[in-house]
Amino acid sequence: MKTNSKKLALAGVLCAVAVVGSMLQFPVFGSQCAPVQHMVNVICAVFLGPGYGVAVAFLASLLRNIFGLGSLLAFPGSMCGALLCGLVYWKTRNLPATLAGEVFGTGIIGGLLSYPVAVAFMGVVAGSIAFYAYVVPFLVSTVGGSILAGILVFTLQKSGALKSMRAALEH
């Protein structure tokens, strides 16, 4: 019971970080880079696993939409990235592969899945935008967040804190 409570509490904190962090955006090559959600995806993968990661991504996207801080495109991008990087970390325990999973899941898969969401729910005319139009902005954002997460998790690994933090979640 303690393990579930600790993981649920951490998931709640990470969800809040993702929602508040969505206000941190900066322009990069004509798109807005909002890296915090992607950083949270990787942290969820490392500490909580793919199920919690997808749940945090879904709830953060939902809250961002409710508060007017995001669009419907937050759902496919964040959830695909959270699922793929969570599965990669669960299977490999390899940080670079996990970061690549986040980038591919959000940037490529999430970017491609955003097209039908935009057409079906956001009134985007199918002929006015290419199906891959969301890939580059999603890649810019996810690469930024993955770099931040990589630095954070690598530092925790190097100091030994990652191992003790993971152990604390299990006890």
C-alpha atoms as a PDB file:
ATOM      1  CA  MET A   1       0.000   0.000   0.000  1.00  0.00           C
ATOM      2  CA  LYS A   2       2.837   2.409   0.792  1.00  0.00           C
ATOM      3  CA  THR A   3       4.419   1.851  -2.603  1.00  0.00           C
ATOM      4  CA  ASN A   4       1.219   2.745  -4.410  1.00  0.00           C
ATOM      5  CA  SER A   5       0.708   5.833  -2.235  1.00  0.00           C
ATOM      6  CA  LYS A   6       4.250   7.055  -2.840  1.00  0.00           C
ATOM      7  CA  LYS A   7       4.013   6.476  -6.571  1.00  0.00           C
ATOM      8  CA  LEU A   8       0.607   8.136  -6.738  1.00  0.00           C
ATOM      9  CA  ALA A   9       1.918  11.147  -4.807  1.00  0.00           C
ATOM     10  CA  LEU A  10       4.934  11.440  -7.108  1.00  0.00           C
ATOM     11  CA  ALA A  11       2.670  11.126 -10.153  1.00  0.00           C
ATOM     12  CA  GLY A  12       0.518  13.977  -8.790  1.00  0.00           C
ATOM     13  CA  VAL A  13       3.548  16.190  -8.231  1.00  0.00           C
ATOM     14  CA  LEU A  14       4.888  15.445 -11.713  1.00  0.00           C
ATOM     15  CA  CYS A  15       1.477  16.186 -13.229  1.00  0.00           C
ATOM     16  CA  ALA A  16       1.470  19.556 -11.456  1.00  0.00           C
ATOM     17  CA  VAL A  17       5.011  20.259 -12.669  1.00  0.00           C
ATOM     18  CA  ALA A  18       3.936  19.485 -16.249  1.00  0.00           C
ATOM     19  CA  VAL A  19       0.897  21.786 -16.042  1.00  0.00           C
ATOM     20  CA  VAL A  20       2.724  24.702 -14.432  1.00  0.00           C
ATOM     21  CA  GLY A  21       5.763  24.078 -16.624  1.00  0.00           C
ATOM     22  CA  SER A  22       3.626  24.430 -19.740  1.00  0.00           C
ATOM     23  CA  MET A  23       3.759  28.179 -19.151  1.00  0.00           C
ATOM     24  CA  LEU A  24       7.515  28.013 -19.851  1.00  0.00           C
ATOM     25  CA  GLN A  25       7.716  28.280 -23.632  1.00  0.00           C
ATOM     26  CA  PHE A  26      10.260  29.845 -25.919  1.00  0.00           C
ATOM     27  CA  PRO A  27      10.494  30.210 -29.693  1.00  0.00           C
ATOM     28  CA  VAL A  28      12.900  27.969 -31.596  1.00  0.00           C
ATOM     29  CA  PHE A  29      13.037  28.059 -35.407  1.00  0.00           C
ATOM     30  CA  GLY A  30       9.493  29.362 -35.737  1.00  0.00           C
ATOM     31  CA  SER A  31       7.878  26.970 -33.256  1.00  0.00           C
ATOM     32  CA  GLN A  32       7.245  27.120 -29.537  1.00  0.00           C
ATOM     33  CA  CYS A  33       9.445  24.861 -27.434  1.00  0.00           C
ATOM     34  CA  ALA A  34       7.678  23.745 -24.234  1.00  0.00           C
ATOM     35  CA  PRO A  35      10.099  21.193 -22.836  1.00  0.00           C
ATOM     36  CA  VAL A  36       8.727  20.505 -19.352  1.00  0.00           C
ATOM     37  CA  GLN A  37       6.132  17.876 -20.355  1.00  0.00           C
ATOM     38  CA  HIS A  38       8.809  15.887 -22.137  1.00  0.00           C
ATOM     39  CA  MET A  39      11.127  16.122 -19.159  1.00  0.00           C
ATOM     40  CA  VAL A  40       8.269  14.863 -16.972  1.00  0.00           C
ATOM     41  CA  ASN A  41       7.667  11.965 -19.382  1.00  0.00           C
ATOM     42  CA  VAL A  42      11.242  10.770 -18.964  1.00  0.00           C
ATOM     43  CA  ILE A  43      11.185  11.214 -15.185  1.00  0.00           C
ATOM     44  CA  CYS A  44       7.948   9.209 -15.035  1.00  0.00           C
ATOM     45  CA  ALA A  45       9.556   6.493 -17.156  1.00  0.00           C
ATOM     46  CA  VAL A  46      12.530   6.235 -14.813  1.00  0.00           C
ATOM     47  CA  PHE A  47      10.676   6.376 -11.499  1.00  0.00           C
ATOM     48  CA  LEU A  48       7.131   5.178 -12.166  1.00  0.00           C
ATOM     49  CA  GLY A  49       6.901   3.183 -15.388  1.00  0.00           C
ATOM     50  CA  PRO A  50       4.870   3.438 -18.577  1.00  0.00           C
ATOM     51  CA  GLY A  51       1.387   3.173 -17.021  1.00  0.00           C
ATOM     52  CA  TYR A  52       1.889   6.058 -14.626  1.00  0.00           C
ATOM     53  CA  GLY A  53       3.679   8.002 -17.360  1.00  0.00           C
ATOM     54  CA  VAL A  54       0.725   7.782 -19.740  1.00  0.00           C
ATOM     55  CA  ALA A  55      -1.694   8.658 -16.916  1.00  0.00           C
ATOM     56  CA  VAL A  56       0.359  11.717 -15.940  1.00  0.00           C
ATOM     57  CA  ALA A  57       0.610  12.805 -19.587  1.00  0.00           C
ATOM     58  CA  PHE A  58      -3.157  12.400 -20.069  1.00  0.00           C
ATOM     59  CA  LEU A  59      -4.080  14.283 -16.877  1.00  0.00           C
ATOM     60  CA  ALA A  60      -1.553  17.053 -17.552  1.00  0.00           C
ATOM     61  CA  SER A  61      -2.922  17.453 -21.106  1.00  0.00           C
ATOM     62  CA  LEU A  62      -6.487  17.497 -19.787  1.00  0.00           C
ATOM     63  CA  LEU A  63      -5.686  20.118 -17.141  1.00  0.00           C
ATOM     64  CA  ARG A  64      -3.717  22.223 -19.618  1.00  0.00           C
ATOM     65  CA  ASN A  65      -6.745  22.237 -21.938  1.00  0.00           C
ATOM     66  CA  ILE A  66      -9.155  23.051 -19.102  1.00  0.00           C
ATOM     67  CA  PHE A  67      -6.955  25.959 -17.964  1.00  0.00           C
ATOM     68  CA  GLY A  68      -6.389  27.200 -21.527  1.00  0.00           C
ATOM     69  CA  LEU A  69      -2.663  26.412 -21.444  1.00  0.00           C
ATOM     70  CA  GLY A  70      -2.606  23.904 -24.286  1.00  0.00           C
ATOM     71  CA  SER A  71      -4.440  22.488 -27.251  1.00  0.00           C
ATOM     72  CA  LEU A  72      -5.864  19.087 -28.118  1.00  0.00           C
ATOM     73  CA  LEU A  73      -2.538  18.308 -29.757  1.00  0.00           C
ATOM     74  CA  ALA A  74      -1.066  17.904 -26.267  1.00  0.00           C
ATOM     75  CA  PHE A  75      -2.786  14.522 -25.953  1.00  0.00           C
ATOM     76  CA  PRO A  76      -1.204  12.522 -28.789  1.00  0.00           C
ATOM     77  CA  GLY A  77       2.211  14.125 -28.382  1.00  0.00           C
ATOM     78  CA  SER A  78       2.661  13.700 -24.663  1.00  0.00           C
ATOM     79  CA  MET A  79       0.943  10.335 -24.338  1.00  0.00           C
ATOM     80  CA  CYS A  80       2.829   8.648 -27.208  1.00  0.00           C
ATOM     81  CA  GLY A  81       6.126   9.920 -25.844  1.00  0.00           C
ATOM     82  CA  ALA A  82       5.307   8.826 -22.293  1.00  0.00           C
ATOM     83  CA  LEU A  83       4.284   5.351 -23.417  1.00  0.00           C
ATOM     84  CA  LEU A  84       7.263   4.724 -25.672  1.00  0.00           C
ATOM     85  CA  CYS A  85       9.945   6.070 -23.325  1.00  0.00           C
ATOM     86  CA  GLY A  86       8.314   4.254 -20.398  1.00  0.00           C
ATOM     87  CA  LEU A  87       8.357   0.951 -22.281  1.00  0.00           C
ATOM     88  CA  VAL A  88      11.935   1.479 -23.423  1.00  0.00           C
ATOM     89  CA  TYR A  89      13.169   2.233 -19.897  1.00  0.00           C
ATOM     90  CA  TRP A  90      11.176  -0.668 -18.450  1.00  0.00           C
ATOM     91  CA  LYS A  91      12.752  -3.089 -20.932  1.00  0.00           C
ATOM     92  CA  THR A  92      16.311  -1.737 -21.135  1.00  0.00           C
ATOM     93  CA  ARG A  93      17.072   0.514 -18.125  1.00  0.00           C
ATOM     94  CA  ASN A  94      19.141   2.472 -20.668  1.00  0.00           C
ATOM     95  CA  LEU A  95      18.873   6.254 -20.351  1.00  0.00           C
ATOM     96  CA  PRO A  96      19.983   7.211 -23.901  1.00  0.00           C
ATOM     97  CA  ALA A  97      17.536   4.694 -25.378  1.00  0.00           C
ATOM     98  CA  THR A  98      14.791   6.075 -23.120  1.00  0.00           C
ATOM     99  CA  LEU A  99      15.512   9.618 -24.312  1.00  0.00           C
ATOM    100  CA  ALA A 100      15.401   8.411 -27.917  1.00  0.00           C
ATOM    101  CA  GLY A 101      12.069   6.717 -27.147  1.00  0.00           C
ATOM    102  CA  GLU A 102      10.663  10.007 -25.868  1.00  0.00           C
ATOM    103  CA  VAL A 103      11.880  11.893 -28.934  1.00  0.00           C
ATOM    104  CA  PHE A 104      10.559   9.290 -31.381  1.00  0.00           C
ATOM    105  CA  GLY A 105       7.282   8.763 -29.490  1.00  0.00           C
ATOM    106  CA  THR A 106       6.451  12.449 -29.192  1.00  0.00           C
ATOM    107  CA  GLY A 107       8.195  13.899 -32.222  1.00  0.00           C
ATOM    108  CA  ILE A 108       7.388  11.323 -34.862  1.00  0.00           C
ATOM    109  CA  ILE A 109       4.441   9.215 -33.680  1.00  0.00           C
ATOM    110  CA  GLY A 110       2.730  12.022 -31.721  1.00  0.00           C
ATOM    111  CA  GLY A 111       3.438  14.511 -34.494  1.00  0.00           C
ATOM    112  CA  LEU A 112       1.843  12.245 -37.098  1.00  0.00           C
ATOM    113  CA  LEU A 113      -1.156  11.419 -34.876  1.00  0.00           C
ATOM    114  CA  SER A 114      -1.768  15.130 -34.321  1.00  0.00           C
ATOM    115  CA  TYR A 115      -2.811  15.581 -37.933  1.00  0.00           C
ATOM    116  CA  PRO A 116      -6.080  13.616 -37.666  1.00  0.00           C
ATOM    117  CA  VAL A 117      -6.792  15.250 -34.288  1.00  0.00           C
ATOM    118  CA  ALA A 118      -6.331  18.707 -35.815  1.00  0.00           C
ATOM    119  CA  VAL A 119      -8.526  17.853 -38.798  1.00  0.00           C
ATOM    120  CA  ALA A 120     -11.280  16.114 -36.801  1.00  0.00           C
ATOM    121  CA  PHE A 121     -11.525  18.314 -33.722  1.00  0.00           C
ATOM    122  CA  MET A 122      -9.806  21.631 -34.352  1.00  0.00           C
ATOM    123  CA  GLY A 123     -11.310  22.649 -37.673  1.00  0.00           C
ATOM    124  CA  VAL A 124      -8.091  22.435 -39.631  1.00  0.00           C
ATOM    125  CA  VAL A 125      -8.864  21.916 -43.303  1.00  0.00           C
ATOM    126  CA  ALA A 126      -7.109  18.741 -44.416  1.00  0.00           C
ATOM    127  CA  GLY A 127      -5.839  20.253 -47.643  1.00  0.00           C
ATOM    128  CA  SER A 128      -4.344  23.297 -45.940  1.00  0.00           C
ATOM    129  CA  ILE A 129      -1.750  21.422 -43.919  1.00  0.00           C
ATOM    130  CA  ALA A 130       0.494  18.459 -44.631  1.00  0.00           C
ATOM    131  CA  PHE A 131       0.092  15.330 -42.514  1.00  0.00           C
ATOM    132  CA  TYR A 132       3.658  15.705 -41.224  1.00  0.00           C
ATOM    133  CA  ALA A 133       3.344  19.421 -40.361  1.00  0.00           C
ATOM    134  CA  TYR A 134       3.403  18.811 -36.602  1.00  0.00           C
ATOM    135  CA  VAL A 135       6.502  16.632 -36.604  1.00  0.00           C
ATOM    136  CA  VAL A 136       9.111  19.426 -36.640  1.00  0.00           C
ATOM    137  CA  PRO A 137       7.556  21.544 -33.846  1.00  0.00           C
ATOM    138  CA  PHE A 138       7.017  18.428 -31.732  1.00  0.00           C
ATOM    139  CA  LEU A 139      10.614  17.355 -32.341  1.00  0.00           C
ATOM    140  CA  VAL A 140      11.964  20.745 -31.282  1.00  0.00           C
ATOM    141  CA  SER A 141      10.005  20.625 -28.050  1.00  0.00           C
ATOM    142  CA  THR A 142      10.736  17.007 -27.174  1.00  0.00           C
ATOM    143  CA  VAL A 143      14.455  17.263 -27.896  1.00  0.00           C
ATOM    144  CA  GLY A 144      14.686  20.232 -25.508  1.00  0.00           C
ATOM    145  CA  GLY A 145      12.821  18.403 -22.752  1.00  0.00           C
ATOM    146  CA  SER A 146      14.736  15.183 -23.309  1.00  0.00           C
ATOM    147  CA  ILE A 147      18.051  17.002 -22.980  1.00  0.00           C
ATOM    148  CA  LEU A 148      16.911  18.542 -19.679  1.00  0.00           C
ATOM    149  CA  ALA A 149      15.682  15.169 -18.416  1.00  0.00           C
ATOM    150  CA  GLY A 150      18.875  13.458 -19.544  1.00  0.00           C
ATOM    151  CA  ILE A 151      21.013  15.940 -17.628  1.00  0.00           C
ATOM    152  CA  LEU A 152      18.854  15.572 -14.507  1.00  0.00           C
ATOM    153  CA  VAL A 153      18.651  11.765 -14.534  1.00  0.00           C
ATOM    154  CA  PHE A 154      22.341  11.347 -15.458  1.00  0.00           C
ATOM    155  CA  THR A 155      23.315  13.625 -12.561  1.00  0.00           C
ATOM    156  CA  LEU A 156      21.102  11.632 -10.186  1.00  0.00           C
ATOM    157  CA  GLN A 157      22.641   8.391 -11.512  1.00  0.00           C
ATOM    158  CA  LYS A 158      26.189   9.634 -11.161  1.00  0.00           C
ATOM    159  CA  SER A 159      25.646  10.798  -7.573  1.00  0.00           C
ATOM    160  CA  GLY A 160      23.919   7.575  -6.508  1.00  0.00           C
ATOM    161  CA  ALA A 161      20.747   9.458  -5.655  1.00  0.00           C
ATOM    162  CA  LEU A 162      18.755   7.756  -8.415  1.00  0.00           C
ATOM    163  CA  LYS A 163      19.224   4.325  -6.861  1.00  0.00           C
ATOM    164  CA  SER A 164      18.199   5.487  -3.387  1.00  0.00           C
ATOM    165  CA  MET A 165      15.223   7.447  -4.728  1.00  0.00           C
ATOM    166  CA  ARG A 166      13.977   4.412  -6.657  1.00  0.00           C
ATOM    167  CA  ALA A 167      14.475   2.253  -3.572  1.00  0.00           C
ATOM    168  CA  ALA A 168      12.465   4.722  -1.481  1.00  0.00           C
ATOM    169  CA  LEU A 169       9.540   4.351  -3.884  1.00  0.00           C
ATOM    170  CA  GLU A 170       9.619   0.585  -3.439  1.00  0.00           C
ATOM    171  CA  HIS A 171       9.581   0.571   0.370  1.00  0.00           C
END
